[in-house]
Protein backbone atom coordinates (compact mmCIF):
# COMPACT_ATOMS: atom_id res chain seq x y z
CA MET A 1 -16.92 43.03 -1.77
CA ARG A 2 -15.01 44.42 -4.73
CA TYR A 3 -15.28 42.89 -8.20
CA GLU A 4 -14.92 43.89 -11.85
CA TYR A 5 -17.62 43.41 -14.47
CA VAL A 6 -15.99 42.25 -17.71
CA GLU A 7 -17.86 43.03 -20.93
CA THR A 8 -15.18 43.89 -23.53
CA PRO A 9 -12.54 41.66 -25.17
CA GLU A 10 -9.78 44.03 -24.06
CA HIS A 11 -10.87 43.85 -20.43
CA LEU A 12 -11.09 40.06 -20.59
CA GLU A 13 -7.54 39.82 -21.96
CA ARG A 14 -6.27 41.97 -19.07
CA VAL A 15 -8.09 39.76 -16.56
CA ILE A 16 -6.60 36.61 -18.06
CA GLU A 17 -3.12 38.10 -17.79
CA ARG A 18 -3.71 38.82 -14.10
CA LEU A 19 -5.03 35.30 -13.48
CA ARG A 20 -2.47 33.41 -15.53
CA GLY A 21 0.16 33.44 -12.81
CA GLN A 22 -2.22 32.42 -10.03
CA PRO A 23 -1.87 28.92 -8.50
CA LEU A 24 -5.65 28.59 -8.22
CA ILE A 25 -8.84 30.17 -9.58
CA ALA A 26 -12.37 29.75 -8.25
CA ALA A 27 -15.07 29.61 -10.92
CA ASP A 28 -18.81 29.30 -11.33
CA THR A 29 -21.37 29.79 -14.09
CA GLU A 30 -24.90 31.11 -14.24
CA ALA A 31 -27.44 30.09 -16.85
CA ALA A 32 -30.99 31.20 -17.57
CA GLY A 33 -32.75 27.84 -17.75
CA TYR A 34 -35.35 28.65 -15.11
CA HIS A 35 -36.68 31.57 -17.17
CA ARG A 36 -35.63 30.86 -20.76
CA PHE A 37 -36.29 28.04 -23.20
CA LEU A 38 -32.56 27.48 -23.65
CA ASP A 39 -30.36 27.51 -20.56
CA ARG A 40 -27.61 29.47 -22.29
CA LEU A 41 -24.39 30.38 -20.52
CA SER A 42 -25.09 33.87 -19.15
CA LEU A 43 -22.33 34.66 -16.64
CA ILE A 44 -18.93 33.31 -15.58
CA GLN A 45 -17.63 34.21 -12.12
CA LEU A 46 -13.89 34.05 -11.46
CA SER A 47 -11.94 34.69 -8.27
CA SER A 48 -8.30 34.49 -7.27
CA ARG A 49 -7.36 34.85 -3.61
CA GLU A 50 -7.27 38.64 -4.08
CA GLU A 51 -9.58 39.57 -6.97
CA ASN A 52 -13.10 38.83 -8.21
CA PHE A 53 -14.49 39.10 -11.75
CA LEU A 54 -17.84 38.70 -13.46
CA VAL A 55 -17.42 37.84 -17.16
CA ASP A 56 -20.42 38.54 -19.41
CA PRO A 57 -20.53 35.83 -22.16
CA LEU A 58 -23.44 37.65 -23.84
CA ALA A 59 -21.22 40.68 -24.42
CA VAL A 60 -17.77 39.18 -24.93
CA GLY A 61 -16.55 35.89 -26.40
CA VAL A 62 -15.14 33.64 -23.70
CA ALA A 63 -12.87 31.56 -25.99
CA PRO A 64 -9.76 33.34 -24.57
CA LEU A 65 -10.51 31.60 -21.23
CA LYS A 66 -10.04 28.14 -22.78
CA PRO A 67 -6.21 27.88 -22.34
CA LEU A 68 -6.54 29.01 -18.73
CA PHE A 69 -9.36 26.60 -17.89
CA GLU A 70 -7.59 23.69 -19.56
CA ASP A 71 -4.18 24.37 -17.95
CA PRO A 72 -3.66 21.62 -15.31
CA SER A 73 -1.02 23.71 -13.52
CA VAL A 74 -3.71 26.20 -12.44
CA GLU A 75 -6.15 24.64 -9.98
CA LYS A 76 -9.81 25.43 -10.73
CA ILE A 77 -12.17 25.40 -7.78
CA PHE A 78 -15.86 24.72 -8.43
CA HIS A 79 -18.69 23.66 -6.19
CA ASP A 80 -20.60 20.82 -7.86
CA ALA A 81 -18.94 21.27 -11.23
CA ASP A 82 -21.10 18.75 -13.11
CA TYR A 83 -23.52 21.22 -14.73
CA ASP A 84 -20.85 23.91 -15.14
CA LEU A 85 -18.69 21.49 -17.13
CA ARG A 86 -21.61 20.48 -19.33
CA ILE A 87 -22.63 24.01 -20.22
CA LEU A 88 -19.04 25.22 -20.71
CA ASP A 89 -18.48 22.32 -23.10
CA ARG A 90 -21.74 22.96 -24.99
CA ASP A 91 -21.65 26.74 -25.21
CA ALA A 92 -17.93 27.52 -25.18
CA GLY A 93 -16.24 24.29 -26.28
CA MET A 94 -13.95 24.22 -23.26
CA GLY A 95 -13.12 21.69 -20.61
CA ILE A 96 -11.49 21.88 -17.19
CA ALA A 97 -8.16 20.51 -15.97
CA GLY A 98 -6.82 20.77 -12.43
CA LEU A 99 -10.27 20.61 -10.82
CA PHE A 100 -10.94 20.84 -7.08
CA ASP A 101 -14.66 20.32 -6.47
CA THR A 102 -15.66 21.47 -2.98
CA GLN A 103 -18.89 19.44 -3.09
CA ILE A 104 -16.99 16.21 -3.71
CA ALA A 105 -14.47 17.17 -1.05
CA ALA A 106 -17.27 17.76 1.47
CA ALA A 107 -18.85 14.39 0.62
CA PHE A 108 -15.54 12.67 1.43
CA LEU A 109 -15.67 14.40 4.83
CA GLY A 110 -19.03 12.79 5.51
CA GLU A 111 -21.22 15.82 4.86
CA ARG A 112 -24.80 15.03 3.85
CA SER A 113 -26.10 18.59 3.20
CA LEU A 114 -23.89 19.43 0.24
CA GLY A 115 -25.25 22.81 -0.90
CA LEU A 116 -22.64 25.56 -1.09
CA GLY A 117 -24.44 27.64 1.55
CA ASN A 118 -24.42 24.78 4.05
CA ILE A 119 -20.76 23.95 3.50
CA VAL A 120 -19.59 27.59 3.65
CA GLU A 121 -21.54 28.19 6.83
CA LYS A 122 -20.13 25.09 8.55
CA TYR A 123 -16.48 25.50 7.53
CA LEU A 124 -16.14 29.28 7.20
CA GLY A 125 -18.91 30.52 9.51
CA LEU A 126 -20.41 32.68 6.75
CA LYS A 127 -24.00 32.92 5.49
CA LEU A 128 -24.34 33.30 1.74
CA PRO A 129 -27.24 35.28 0.23
CA LYS A 130 -30.04 33.28 -1.40
CA GLU A 131 -32.42 35.85 -2.87
CA PHE A 132 -31.16 35.63 -6.46
CA GLN A 133 -30.85 31.86 -6.83
CA ARG A 134 -33.60 31.82 -9.47
CA ALA A 135 -32.88 35.13 -11.11
CA ASP A 136 -32.98 35.55 -14.88
CA TRP A 137 -29.26 35.72 -15.61
CA ALA A 138 -29.87 36.43 -19.31
CA GLU A 139 -31.50 39.78 -18.58
CA ARG A 140 -29.43 42.89 -19.16
CA PRO A 141 -28.42 45.00 -17.45
CA LEU A 142 -27.92 42.84 -14.37
CA SER A 143 -29.07 44.53 -11.21
CA GLN A 144 -26.54 45.52 -8.57
CA GLY A 145 -28.00 42.92 -6.24
CA MET A 146 -27.61 40.16 -8.83
CA MET A 147 -23.98 41.06 -9.45
CA ASP A 148 -23.21 41.22 -5.72
CA TYR A 149 -24.85 37.82 -5.24
CA ALA A 150 -22.96 36.25 -8.16
CA ALA A 151 -19.59 37.48 -6.89
CA THR A 152 -20.09 35.78 -3.51
CA ASP A 153 -20.41 32.38 -5.22
CA THR A 154 -16.68 32.27 -5.95
CA ALA A 155 -15.14 34.81 -3.58
CA HIS A 156 -15.13 32.36 -0.66
CA LEU A 157 -14.21 29.22 -2.60
CA PRO A 158 -10.39 29.57 -2.20
CA ALA A 159 -10.71 29.72 1.60
CA LEU A 160 -13.24 26.88 1.58
CA ARG A 161 -10.93 24.79 -0.57
CA ASP A 162 -8.11 25.33 1.94
CA ARG A 163 -10.25 24.15 4.88
CA LEU A 164 -11.61 21.11 3.09
CA ARG A 165 -8.22 20.12 1.71
CA GLN A 166 -6.70 20.32 5.19
CA GLU A 167 -9.47 18.10 6.60
CA LEU A 168 -9.02 15.59 3.76
CA GLU A 169 -5.29 15.42 4.39
CA THR A 170 -5.87 14.87 8.10
CA LEU A 171 -8.20 11.92 7.36
CA GLY A 172 -5.93 10.53 4.63
CA ARG A 173 -8.65 10.98 2.00
CA LEU A 174 -7.19 13.64 -0.28
CA GLY A 175 -6.12 11.00 -2.81
CA TRP A 176 -9.65 9.60 -2.83
CA ALA A 177 -11.10 13.01 -3.58
CA GLU A 178 -8.51 13.74 -6.26
CA GLU A 179 -9.47 10.54 -8.09
CA GLU A 180 -13.07 11.78 -8.21
CA PHE A 181 -11.90 15.24 -9.33
CA ARG A 182 -10.13 13.68 -12.31
CA ARG A 183 -13.21 11.65 -13.22
CA ARG A 184 -15.43 14.73 -12.92
CA GLU A 185 -13.13 16.58 -15.33
CA GLN A 186 -14.27 14.18 -18.07
CA THR A 187 -17.88 15.43 -17.88
CA ARG A 188 -19.17 16.65 -21.24
CA TRP A 189 -22.47 17.81 -22.71
CA THR A 190 -24.53 15.01 -24.26
CA GLU A 191 -27.52 15.60 -26.51
CA SER A 192 -30.69 13.85 -25.42
CA ASP A 193 -33.39 12.43 -27.68
CA ASP A 194 -36.47 14.48 -26.79
CA ARG A 195 -38.92 12.67 -29.05
CA GLU A 196 -40.21 10.69 -26.07
CA ALA A 197 -39.85 13.52 -23.54
CA PHE A 198 -43.63 13.81 -23.14
CA LEU A 199 -43.65 10.35 -21.56
CA ARG A 200 -41.55 11.72 -18.68
CA VAL A 201 -44.19 14.27 -17.63
CA LYS A 202 -45.42 13.42 -14.14
CA GLY A 203 -48.83 11.78 -14.46
CA ALA A 204 -48.33 10.53 -18.02
CA ARG A 205 -48.47 6.89 -16.89
CA ASP A 206 -52.03 7.44 -15.70
CA LEU A 207 -53.19 8.32 -19.22
CA ALA A 208 -54.70 5.95 -21.76
CA PRO A 209 -52.96 5.69 -25.16
CA ARG A 210 -55.36 8.27 -26.63
CA GLY A 211 -54.48 10.64 -23.79
CA LEU A 212 -50.80 10.08 -24.51
CA ALA A 213 -51.38 11.06 -28.14
CA ILE A 214 -52.99 14.30 -27.00
CA LEU A 215 -50.18 14.89 -24.50
CA ARG A 216 -47.60 14.44 -27.26
CA GLU A 217 -49.29 17.11 -29.39
CA LEU A 218 -49.72 19.53 -26.50
CA TYR A 219 -46.11 19.01 -25.41
CA ALA A 220 -44.83 19.76 -28.93
CA TRP A 221 -47.05 22.85 -29.19
CA ARG A 222 -45.82 24.14 -25.84
CA ASP A 223 -42.17 23.65 -26.86
CA GLU A 224 -42.75 25.56 -30.09
CA VAL A 225 -44.33 28.51 -28.25
CA ALA A 226 -41.63 28.51 -25.55
CA ARG A 227 -38.89 28.46 -28.18
CA GLU A 228 -40.44 31.36 -30.10
CA ARG A 229 -40.78 33.43 -26.92
CA ASP A 230 -37.47 32.22 -25.41
CA GLN A 231 -39.41 31.37 -22.27
CA ALA A 232 -39.28 28.40 -19.92
CA THR A 233 -41.93 25.85 -20.90
CA PHE A 234 -43.73 25.94 -17.54
CA ARG A 235 -44.33 29.65 -18.07
CA VAL A 236 -46.31 28.82 -21.21
CA LEU A 237 -48.34 26.00 -19.64
CA ALA A 238 -47.66 23.91 -16.53
CA ASN A 239 -47.27 20.12 -16.69
CA GLN A 240 -50.38 19.63 -14.56
CA ALA A 241 -52.43 21.50 -17.16
CA LEU A 242 -51.02 19.29 -19.91
CA ILE A 243 -52.07 16.15 -18.03
CA GLU A 244 -55.56 17.43 -17.29
CA LEU A 245 -56.09 18.54 -20.89
CA SER A 246 -54.88 15.16 -22.15
CA GLY A 247 -57.20 13.24 -19.86
CA ARG A 248 -60.30 15.37 -20.38
CA ALA A 249 -59.83 16.48 -24.01
CA PRO A 250 -62.05 19.61 -23.82
CA ARG A 251 -63.61 20.67 -27.14
CA THR A 252 -64.44 24.35 -26.55
CA VAL A 253 -62.61 27.44 -25.34
CA LYS A 254 -65.26 27.86 -22.62
CA GLU A 255 -64.18 24.58 -21.02
CA LEU A 256 -60.52 25.52 -20.78
CA PRO A 257 -60.58 27.75 -17.64
CA SER A 258 -61.83 24.77 -15.62
CA VAL A 259 -58.40 23.20 -16.14
CA THR A 260 -55.83 23.86 -13.40
CA GLY A 261 -53.47 26.66 -14.47
CA ILE A 262 -55.51 27.98 -17.40
CA SER A 263 -56.91 31.46 -16.78
CA GLU A 264 -59.65 33.17 -18.75
CA GLY A 265 -57.01 35.34 -20.37
CA LEU A 266 -54.85 32.38 -21.39
CA ALA A 267 -57.91 30.58 -22.74
CA GLN A 268 -58.72 33.57 -24.92
CA ARG A 269 -55.12 34.06 -26.11
CA ARG A 270 -54.12 30.45 -26.67
CA GLY A 271 -57.38 28.51 -26.59
CA ARG A 272 -57.65 27.84 -30.32
CA ASP A 273 -54.07 26.57 -30.48
CA ILE A 274 -54.61 24.31 -27.45
CA LEU A 275 -57.82 22.88 -28.93
CA ALA A 276 -56.08 22.34 -32.27
CA ALA A 277 -53.34 20.32 -30.54
CA ILE A 278 -55.99 18.26 -28.72
CA GLN A 279 -57.75 17.62 -32.03
CA ARG A 280 -54.52 16.42 -33.63
CA GLY A 281 -54.15 13.93 -30.79
CA LEU A 282 -57.73 12.74 -31.24
CA GLU A 283 -57.11 12.13 -34.93
CA VAL A 284 -54.10 9.83 -34.47
CA PRO A 285 -55.04 6.40 -35.88
CA GLU A 286 -55.56 3.70 -33.27
CA ALA A 287 -52.63 1.65 -34.53
CA GLU A 288 -50.27 4.64 -34.16
CA LEU A 289 -51.14 5.65 -30.60
CA PRO A 290 -48.10 6.06 -28.34
CA ARG A 291 -47.65 3.63 -25.49
CA PHE A 292 -45.15 3.15 -22.73
CA PRO A 293 -42.65 0.39 -23.46
CA ALA A 294 -43.60 -2.87 -21.80
CA ALA A 295 -41.85 -3.29 -18.48
CA ARG A 296 -38.94 -5.66 -18.73
CA ARG A 297 -39.60 -8.84 -16.80
CA TRP A 298 -36.76 -10.06 -14.64
CA GLU A 299 -36.51 -13.61 -13.45
CA ARG A 300 -35.80 -13.65 -9.76
CA ASP A 301 -32.40 -14.94 -8.78
CA PRO A 302 -32.44 -15.55 -5.03
CA GLU A 303 -28.69 -16.20 -4.90
CA HIS A 304 -27.93 -12.91 -6.67
CA GLU A 305 -30.33 -11.03 -4.39
CA ALA A 306 -28.68 -12.57 -1.35
CA ARG A 307 -25.25 -11.51 -2.58
CA VAL A 308 -26.49 -7.96 -3.15
CA GLU A 309 -27.91 -7.82 0.38
CA ALA A 310 -24.64 -9.12 1.83
CA LEU A 311 -22.69 -6.49 -0.13
CA LYS A 312 -25.12 -3.78 0.98
CA HIS A 313 -24.68 -4.69 4.65
CA ALA A 314 -20.90 -4.75 4.26
CA ARG A 315 -20.94 -1.35 2.53
CA ASN A 316 -23.20 0.14 5.20
CA ARG A 317 -21.00 -1.10 8.03
CA ARG A 318 -17.87 0.28 6.38
CA ALA A 319 -19.58 3.58 5.55
CA ASP A 320 -20.63 3.89 9.20
CA GLN A 321 -17.04 3.29 10.32
CA LEU A 322 -15.77 5.99 7.95
CA GLY A 323 -18.63 8.41 8.59
CA LEU A 324 -19.57 8.49 4.90
CA ASP A 325 -22.94 8.39 3.16
CA PRO A 326 -23.45 4.76 2.03
CA GLY A 327 -24.91 5.78 -1.36
CA PHE A 328 -21.94 8.05 -2.02
CA MET A 329 -19.54 5.31 -1.06
CA MET A 330 -21.02 2.89 -3.59
CA SER A 331 -24.41 2.92 -5.31
CA LYS A 332 -26.83 -0.02 -5.22
CA ALA A 333 -26.50 -0.37 -9.00
CA MET A 334 -22.74 -0.78 -8.64
CA LEU A 335 -23.22 -3.30 -5.82
CA GLU A 336 -25.41 -5.32 -8.19
CA ASP A 337 -22.65 -5.22 -10.82
CA VAL A 338 -20.16 -6.43 -8.21
CA ALA A 339 -22.53 -9.25 -7.22
CA ARG A 340 -22.70 -10.38 -10.85
CA ALA A 341 -18.92 -10.13 -11.37
CA LEU A 342 -18.07 -12.14 -8.23
CA PRO A 343 -14.52 -10.75 -7.79
CA ARG A 344 -12.29 -13.02 -5.74
CA SER A 345 -9.92 -10.29 -4.57
CA ALA A 346 -10.01 -6.57 -3.85
CA ASP A 347 -7.85 -5.88 -6.91
CA ALA A 348 -10.29 -7.83 -9.10
CA LEU A 349 -12.95 -5.26 -8.17
CA LEU A 350 -11.22 -2.80 -10.50
CA GLU A 351 -12.36 -4.95 -13.42
CA VAL A 352 -15.98 -4.03 -12.64
CA PRO A 353 -16.86 -1.00 -14.83
CA GLY A 354 -17.06 2.21 -12.85
CA VAL A 355 -15.36 1.00 -9.67
CA ARG A 356 -12.81 3.51 -8.41
CA ARG A 357 -9.47 2.77 -6.80
CA TRP A 358 -10.51 4.69 -3.69
CA GLN A 359 -13.54 2.41 -3.35
CA VAL A 360 -11.30 -0.64 -3.52
CA GLU A 361 -9.06 0.87 -0.86
CA ALA A 362 -11.97 1.91 1.36
CA LEU A 363 -14.18 -1.18 1.22
CA GLY A 364 -12.72 -3.69 -1.21
CA GLU A 365 -11.77 -6.27 1.40
CA ALA A 366 -15.14 -5.94 3.09
CA LEU A 367 -16.99 -6.57 -0.17
CA VAL A 368 -14.89 -9.60 -1.10
CA LYS A 369 -15.37 -11.04 2.39
CA ALA A 370 -19.12 -10.52 2.09
CA LEU A 371 -19.17 -12.47 -1.19
CA ASP A 372 -17.19 -15.29 0.37
């Protein structure tokens, strides 16, 4: 497969000129989150029907791509664009208009295995390589194998888009998919509050408040080290080690290698820092110990529960008729919102936040009948 590696502003401008007149462009992004502390945008793949390009954001500013990506007259093909849109918004300040998402399209065709490899193999009869899925895309230079792998991610998307679009038209579902494409275009990066992130570590709920205080200190220490080294946090210390350290609170370097994931070498290199973090957790005053928020108590409402079950059965029957995944068709959370809203007509369903027009068309009457 032929492709061009773009690492100068002049080359990028020439590529944009060649792509500007194209009716569609396939695109993908690669980030380095598996290896690095920050999952920075590290590669942008672009393909027309005839040409393939790998744009290096670490070598060339990608701002010139913004008018092209935001031009609704040029269709942009992604597979599962959610993360791509978030990182393009965060790192490059650009959005997408004219989206065709092949994952969404496949879901509307009833596919359950929605990975790109599965969809390409079923609809195009091609097997995509997998060996570089967790490569460090921030390393330079990229190996030949990494570049070859990256180019395949978009090279086949135009043909895949054609097959899926044809199938959607045949089933009369293209309009449904296009409504989801437009909603997906609105995806943007949102900053999360990481002050309570330590509470989301698997196993944290099994710790006493004192253990949570130690976990908080260890978690903050690990983040600081990972940031300094630009390394993924699990490469500094695994979550399981954090939980064990928090529960056992070892006091000496000699005790550390008995913890899962801590080698003798790591104990010698980082032992004092780990013990210092544990000590800080032990010194937190009793009144300031972290705790999980009390679980919200819900009063049972048998009538509401019955309505939700009726809606669920109606959704499942309709999904079976259409050959769609029930959860994709409408989530349980949305069914609960519908049960609370008690719409008296299919059109009234649109007043429930989040309900799409295609959902009203596909199962609106069935839901209203179930409520009646």
